[in-house]
Amino acid sequence: MAFPSITDREKKGDRVIKRLASRDEFILMLFAVPGLLYFLVFKYMPLLGNVIAFQNYNIFKGIWDSPWVGFAHFSRMFTFDEFFRVLMNSIRLGFFSLLFGFPAPIVLALLINEVKHLWFKKTVQTIVYMPHFLSWVIVGSIFINLLSYEGIVNQFLHWLGLSRTDFVTEDNFFLSVLIGTGIWKEVGWGTIIYLAALSGINPNLYEAAMVDGAGRWKQMWYVTLPCLWPTMIVVLLLSVGQILDANVEQVLIFLNPLVRDVGEVFDTYVYNIGLVGGQYSYTTAIGLFKATIGIALVFGLNALSRRLTGESIY
């Protein structure tokens, strides 16, 4: 029985494959292909759908047959008083979340880093990580029960002789409830990147500081914080770009008709008007407006940081 001979073309193909397989760069590129395909299909291709912001999009006609209206939806957006109310709510929530939420994991990471007993340190880390894995339905249920009129907090206030307050339905407390629950849930998870940065600090720097007579406070001020500075800048710039992005699950859990005037933000507004109300083009225009603000903030603050501190994300 005669076996088929290998042609010269097949031999040449085998040599090319072996040559490529011997190069580390080619192997690494193969590993990157699934990730690149994921971002291409699920992150970049859906961006093409933003063209419906310039159409009167009809779900039955599709993108190709829906009529084009130019910037009509953007003009309509700025004529609504409701839009400016939602804009101010989104800015207020994003600004105070960044103001209190950004330093919280830094402070917690510095405190955990100061703990010398390893078992206690790991126990604290595990406990503060746990809320991140709870859904907002669970977290919302816990805090609504704690802060309601008959909740434990109000019972304690009543025991102290103070008047009861329904923190969940009061306008004045709604923003504090959102920011506080957000920090409680994510502060432990946010410490991971700072603890990783702390572990990379050269111990010789601390030894040199101790030789110079620096105590724990001065070591933190003159060694730890300067070494954390590049990490803090990167995290801050990435956070600023999402300043108008609220956690829609969190806001929907706590939002109720009594606090809607101060609690309605872009994400819940888009959900109610766009998905529930079927105004896809109008809410897509709002989404593009929000994304433009985020990109402008990232570019502006990145340039400012590069000029003032020399640190930037690109």
Protein backbone atom coordinates (compact mmCIF):
# COMPACT_ATOMS: atom_id res chain seq x y z
CA MET A 1 0.00 0.00 0.00
CA ALA A 2 1.51 3.36 -1.07
CA PHE A 3 1.26 6.36 1.32
CA PRO A 4 0.63 9.86 -0.19
CA SER A 5 3.81 11.90 -0.44
CA ILE A 6 4.12 15.31 1.26
CA THR A 7 4.26 18.09 -1.30
CA ASP A 8 6.76 20.93 -1.23
CA ARG A 9 3.94 23.38 -0.35
CA GLU A 10 3.03 21.34 2.72
CA LYS A 11 6.68 21.18 3.79
CA LYS A 12 6.98 24.95 3.39
CA GLY A 13 3.79 25.48 5.46
CA ASP A 14 5.15 23.25 8.24
CA ARG A 15 8.40 25.20 8.33
CA VAL A 16 6.51 28.50 8.61
CA ILE A 17 4.34 27.18 11.46
CA LYS A 18 7.38 25.84 13.35
CA ARG A 19 9.21 29.14 12.86
CA LEU A 20 6.23 31.11 14.21
CA ALA A 21 5.68 28.70 17.10
CA SER A 22 9.29 29.16 18.16
CA ARG A 23 8.73 32.90 18.67
CA ASP A 24 7.41 34.01 22.06
CA GLU A 25 5.65 37.03 20.56
CA PHE A 26 3.51 34.84 18.31
CA ILE A 27 2.51 32.58 21.23
CA LEU A 28 1.55 35.61 23.31
CA MET A 29 -0.51 37.00 20.42
CA LEU A 30 -2.43 33.72 20.20
CA PHE A 31 -3.26 33.99 23.91
CA ALA A 32 -4.53 37.54 23.32
CA VAL A 33 -6.84 36.61 20.41
CA PRO A 34 -9.87 35.49 22.56
CA GLY A 35 -9.68 38.68 24.63
CA LEU A 36 -9.36 40.87 21.53
CA LEU A 37 -12.35 39.12 19.91
CA TYR A 38 -14.38 39.63 23.10
CA PHE A 39 -13.73 43.38 23.15
CA LEU A 40 -14.28 43.67 19.38
CA VAL A 41 -17.64 41.84 19.38
CA PHE A 42 -19.13 42.89 22.72
CA LYS A 43 -17.54 46.30 23.38
CA TYR A 44 -16.70 48.02 20.08
CA MET A 45 -19.26 46.72 17.57
CA PRO A 46 -22.23 47.78 19.80
CA LEU A 47 -20.87 51.35 19.62
CA LEU A 48 -22.16 51.47 16.05
CA GLY A 49 -25.68 51.39 17.49
CA ASN A 50 -25.19 54.95 18.77
CA VAL A 51 -26.21 56.20 15.31
CA ILE A 52 -29.85 55.88 16.40
CA ALA A 53 -29.28 59.08 18.42
CA PHE A 54 -29.43 60.87 15.05
CA GLN A 55 -32.55 59.01 13.88
CA ASN A 56 -36.20 58.61 14.83
CA TYR A 57 -35.46 54.99 15.49
CA ASN A 58 -38.28 52.57 14.80
CA ILE A 59 -37.78 49.12 16.26
CA PHE A 60 -39.71 47.52 13.37
CA LYS A 61 -37.84 49.38 10.60
CA GLY A 62 -34.38 48.97 12.11
CA ILE A 63 -31.33 51.22 11.74
CA TRP A 64 -31.24 51.11 7.93
CA ASP A 65 -34.84 52.26 7.31
CA SER A 66 -35.44 54.61 10.26
CA PRO A 67 -35.53 58.33 9.23
CA TRP A 68 -32.53 60.55 10.00
CA VAL A 69 -33.20 63.69 12.10
CA GLY A 70 -29.70 65.05 12.73
CA PHE A 71 -29.26 66.69 16.16
CA ALA A 72 -33.00 67.03 16.87
CA HIS A 73 -32.86 64.75 19.94
CA PHE A 74 -29.91 66.71 21.37
CA SER A 75 -31.85 69.98 20.94
CA ARG A 76 -34.91 68.41 22.54
CA MET A 77 -32.77 67.22 25.45
CA PHE A 78 -31.71 70.74 26.44
CA THR A 79 -35.27 72.12 26.29
CA PHE A 80 -36.53 69.85 29.08
CA ASP A 81 -36.39 71.18 32.65
CA GLU A 82 -36.42 67.54 33.77
CA PHE A 83 -33.11 66.96 31.97
CA PHE A 84 -31.33 69.64 34.02
CA ARG A 85 -32.79 68.24 37.25
CA VAL A 86 -31.42 64.78 36.35
CA LEU A 87 -28.09 66.33 35.30
CA MET A 88 -27.69 68.13 38.64
CA ASN A 89 -28.64 64.97 40.57
CA SER A 90 -26.05 62.96 38.60
CA ILE A 91 -23.31 65.55 39.14
CA ARG A 92 -24.10 65.80 42.87
CA LEU A 93 -24.07 62.03 43.36
CA GLY A 94 -20.93 61.53 41.26
CA PHE A 95 -19.00 64.37 42.94
CA PHE A 96 -19.75 63.34 46.53
CA SER A 97 -19.22 59.65 45.74
CA LEU A 98 -15.77 60.54 44.41
CA LEU A 99 -15.04 62.93 47.29
CA PHE A 100 -15.77 60.38 50.01
CA GLY A 101 -15.41 57.10 48.10
CA PHE A 102 -11.97 57.71 46.57
CA PRO A 103 -9.93 58.23 49.80
CA ALA A 104 -11.81 55.51 51.75
CA PRO A 105 -9.91 52.47 50.33
CA ILE A 106 -6.60 54.36 50.63
CA VAL A 107 -7.15 55.02 54.34
CA LEU A 108 -8.32 51.44 54.94
CA ALA A 109 -5.32 50.01 53.05
CA LEU A 110 -2.92 52.16 55.12
CA LEU A 111 -4.57 51.01 58.36
CA ILE A 112 -4.47 47.33 57.32
CA ASN A 113 -0.82 47.73 56.29
CA GLU A 114 0.05 48.94 59.78
CA VAL A 115 -1.28 45.73 61.39
CA LYS A 116 1.64 43.49 62.33
CA HIS A 117 -0.25 40.32 63.34
CA LEU A 118 -0.70 38.39 60.09
CA TRP A 119 -3.76 36.37 61.24
CA PHE A 120 -5.59 39.53 62.33
CA LYS A 121 -4.63 41.29 59.10
CA LYS A 122 -5.96 38.47 56.92
CA THR A 123 -9.15 38.23 58.99
CA VAL A 124 -9.85 41.95 58.57
CA GLN A 125 -9.12 41.75 54.83
CA THR A 126 -11.55 38.84 54.40
CA ILE A 127 -14.31 40.60 56.34
CA VAL A 128 -14.02 43.87 54.39
CA TYR A 129 -13.94 42.02 51.05
CA MET A 130 -17.18 40.12 51.71
CA PRO A 131 -19.74 42.91 51.02
CA HIS A 132 -18.43 43.18 47.44
CA PHE A 133 -19.84 39.72 46.69
CA LEU A 134 -23.33 40.55 47.97
CA SER A 135 -25.92 41.67 45.41
CA TRP A 136 -27.49 45.11 45.73
CA VAL A 137 -30.82 43.42 46.44
CA ILE A 138 -29.36 41.93 49.63
CA VAL A 139 -27.46 45.09 50.61
CA GLY A 140 -30.52 47.25 49.91
CA SER A 141 -32.78 45.00 51.98
CA ILE A 142 -30.36 45.12 54.91
CA PHE A 143 -30.03 48.90 54.96
CA ILE A 144 -33.70 49.63 54.23
CA ASN A 145 -34.61 47.53 57.27
CA LEU A 146 -31.92 49.20 59.38
CA LEU A 147 -32.82 52.77 58.37
CA SER A 148 -36.61 52.55 58.10
CA TYR A 149 -38.93 54.23 60.60
CA GLU A 150 -39.17 51.06 62.74
CA GLY A 151 -35.58 49.99 62.07
CA ILE A 152 -32.77 49.42 64.57
CA VAL A 153 -31.27 52.87 64.03
CA ASN A 154 -34.53 54.64 64.82
CA GLN A 155 -35.15 52.40 67.82
CA PHE A 156 -31.73 53.39 69.15
CA LEU A 157 -32.49 57.10 68.53
CA HIS A 158 -35.82 56.68 70.31
CA TRP A 159 -34.01 55.02 73.25
CA LEU A 160 -31.74 58.09 73.42
CA GLY A 161 -34.82 60.32 73.52
CA LEU A 162 -34.42 61.62 69.97
CA SER A 163 -37.18 61.80 67.35
CA ARG A 164 -37.50 59.06 64.74
CA THR A 165 -36.60 59.77 61.07
CA ASP A 166 -37.32 57.62 58.05
CA PHE A 167 -33.91 57.92 56.38
CA VAL A 168 -35.04 55.99 53.29
CA THR A 169 -37.87 58.36 52.31
CA GLU A 170 -36.37 61.71 53.42
CA ASP A 171 -34.90 63.90 50.67
CA ASN A 172 -32.15 65.21 52.95
CA PHE A 173 -30.75 61.75 53.71
CA PHE A 174 -31.14 60.00 50.36
CA LEU A 175 -27.74 61.08 48.97
CA SER A 176 -25.98 60.11 52.20
CA VAL A 177 -27.63 56.69 52.13
CA LEU A 178 -26.45 56.07 48.55
CA ILE A 179 -22.88 57.19 49.22
CA GLY A 180 -22.64 55.39 52.57
CA THR A 181 -23.93 52.07 51.26
CA GLY A 182 -21.71 52.35 48.18
CA ILE A 183 -18.60 52.85 50.32
CA TRP A 184 -19.61 50.06 52.72
CA LYS A 185 -19.99 47.58 49.86
CA GLU A 186 -16.88 48.41 47.80
CA VAL A 187 -14.28 49.89 50.15
CA GLY A 188 -12.73 46.51 50.98
CA TRP A 189 -12.51 45.47 47.34
CA GLY A 190 -10.95 48.84 46.48
CA THR A 191 -8.10 48.25 48.93
CA ILE A 192 -6.72 45.36 46.84
CA ILE A 193 -4.89 47.55 44.36
CA TYR A 194 -3.43 49.76 47.13
CA LEU A 195 -2.32 46.78 49.24
CA ALA A 196 -0.60 45.39 46.13
CA ALA A 197 1.15 48.74 45.62
CA LEU A 198 2.16 48.83 49.33
CA SER A 199 3.71 45.37 49.08
CA GLY A 200 5.95 46.63 46.27
CA ILE A 201 7.57 49.43 48.30
CA ASN A 202 11.25 48.83 48.90
CA PRO A 203 11.79 48.02 52.66
CA ASN A 204 15.15 49.82 52.50
CA LEU A 205 13.24 53.11 52.27
CA TYR A 206 11.62 52.46 55.67
CA GLU A 207 14.96 51.40 57.18
CA ALA A 208 16.59 54.58 55.91
CA ALA A 209 13.71 56.64 57.33
CA MET A 210 14.06 54.93 60.74
CA VAL A 211 17.81 55.64 60.74
CA ASP A 212 16.93 59.29 60.23
CA GLY A 213 14.61 59.13 63.25
CA ALA A 214 11.26 58.98 61.46
CA GLY A 215 8.37 57.46 63.44
CA ARG A 216 5.41 55.55 62.02
CA TRP A 217 3.52 58.72 61.08
CA LYS A 218 6.49 60.29 59.26
CA GLN A 219 7.28 57.00 57.51
CA MET A 220 3.70 56.96 56.20
CA TRP A 221 3.83 60.61 55.19
CA TYR A 222 7.28 60.69 53.57
CA VAL A 223 7.65 57.11 52.27
CA THR A 224 4.32 55.32 51.89
CA LEU A 225 2.16 58.09 50.41
CA PRO A 226 4.75 59.26 47.82
CA CYS A 227 5.17 55.64 46.67
CA LEU A 228 1.37 55.27 46.38
CA TRP A 229 1.00 58.53 44.47
CA PRO A 230 1.21 57.06 40.89
CA THR A 231 -1.40 54.41 41.77
CA MET A 232 -3.68 57.03 43.30
CA ILE A 233 -3.44 59.23 40.20
CA VAL A 234 -4.35 56.37 37.85
CA VAL A 235 -7.32 55.28 39.98
CA LEU A 236 -8.52 58.89 40.34
CA LEU A 237 -8.37 59.58 36.59
CA LEU A 238 -10.26 56.38 35.80
CA SER A 239 -12.87 57.26 38.45
CA VAL A 240 -13.34 60.81 37.14
CA GLY A 241 -14.30 59.43 33.73
CA GLN A 242 -17.22 57.62 35.36
CA ILE A 243 -18.40 60.52 37.50
CA LEU A 244 -21.81 60.64 35.78
CA ASP A 245 -22.22 56.84 35.89
CA ALA A 246 -24.30 55.79 38.87
CA ASN A 247 -24.80 52.20 39.91
CA VAL A 248 -28.25 51.71 38.40
CA GLU A 249 -28.97 48.65 40.55
CA GLN A 250 -28.17 50.54 43.74
CA VAL A 251 -30.22 53.62 42.82
CA LEU A 252 -33.22 51.57 41.67
CA ILE A 253 -33.21 49.63 44.95
CA PHE A 254 -33.31 52.78 47.12
CA LEU A 255 -35.32 55.04 44.77
CA ASN A 256 -38.96 55.62 45.67
CA PRO A 257 -41.59 58.24 44.68
CA LEU A 258 -40.88 60.36 47.79
CA VAL A 259 -37.21 60.95 46.86
CA ARG A 260 -37.49 60.86 43.06
CA ASP A 261 -36.79 64.60 42.72
CA VAL A 262 -33.33 64.23 44.29
CA GLY A 263 -32.67 60.59 43.41
CA GLU A 264 -33.36 60.37 39.67
CA VAL A 265 -30.01 60.17 37.83
CA PHE A 266 -29.06 59.62 34.18
CA ASP A 267 -28.97 55.82 34.43
CA THR A 268 -32.41 55.46 36.02
CA TYR A 269 -33.83 58.18 33.72
CA VAL A 270 -32.54 56.35 30.64
CA TYR A 271 -33.95 53.09 31.99
CA ASN A 272 -37.41 54.57 32.62
CA ILE A 273 -37.68 56.74 29.49
CA GLY A 274 -35.67 54.62 27.06
CA LEU A 275 -36.38 51.00 27.88
CA VAL A 276 -39.75 51.30 29.62
CA GLY A 277 -41.02 54.28 27.58
CA GLY A 278 -39.57 53.11 24.26
CA GLN A 279 -37.77 56.41 23.43
CA TYR A 280 -34.57 54.76 22.26
CA SER A 281 -33.17 57.62 20.15
CA TYR A 282 -33.70 60.29 22.80
CA THR A 283 -32.07 58.27 25.58
CA THR A 284 -29.20 57.27 23.28
CA ALA A 285 -28.55 60.99 22.76
CA ILE A 286 -28.44 61.39 26.56
CA GLY A 287 -25.98 58.49 26.75
CA LEU A 288 -23.72 60.12 24.13
CA PHE A 289 -23.85 63.41 26.05
CA LYS A 290 -22.83 61.62 29.25
CA ALA A 291 -19.99 59.77 27.52
CA THR A 292 -18.70 63.02 25.98
CA ILE A 293 -18.56 64.68 29.41
CA GLY A 294 -16.67 61.67 30.83
CA ILE A 295 -14.11 61.64 28.00
CA ALA A 296 -13.55 65.40 28.29
CA LEU A 297 -12.95 65.10 32.05
CA VAL A 298 -10.45 62.26 31.60
CA PHE A 299 -8.49 64.10 28.88
CA GLY A 300 -8.53 67.40 30.77
CA LEU A 301 -7.49 66.02 34.15
CA ASN A 302 -4.93 63.71 32.57
CA ALA A 303 -3.24 66.70 30.90
CA LEU A 304 -3.45 68.71 34.15
CA SER A 305 -1.96 65.83 36.17
CA ARG A 306 0.88 65.36 33.67
CA ARG A 307 1.74 69.05 33.91
CA LEU A 308 1.49 69.36 37.71
CA THR A 309 2.74 65.99 38.96
CA GLY A 310 4.33 64.27 35.97
CA GLU A 311 1.94 61.31 36.41
CA SER A 312 -0.68 60.36 33.79
CA ILE A 313 -2.42 57.32 32.35
CA TYR A 314 -1.08 57.82 28.79
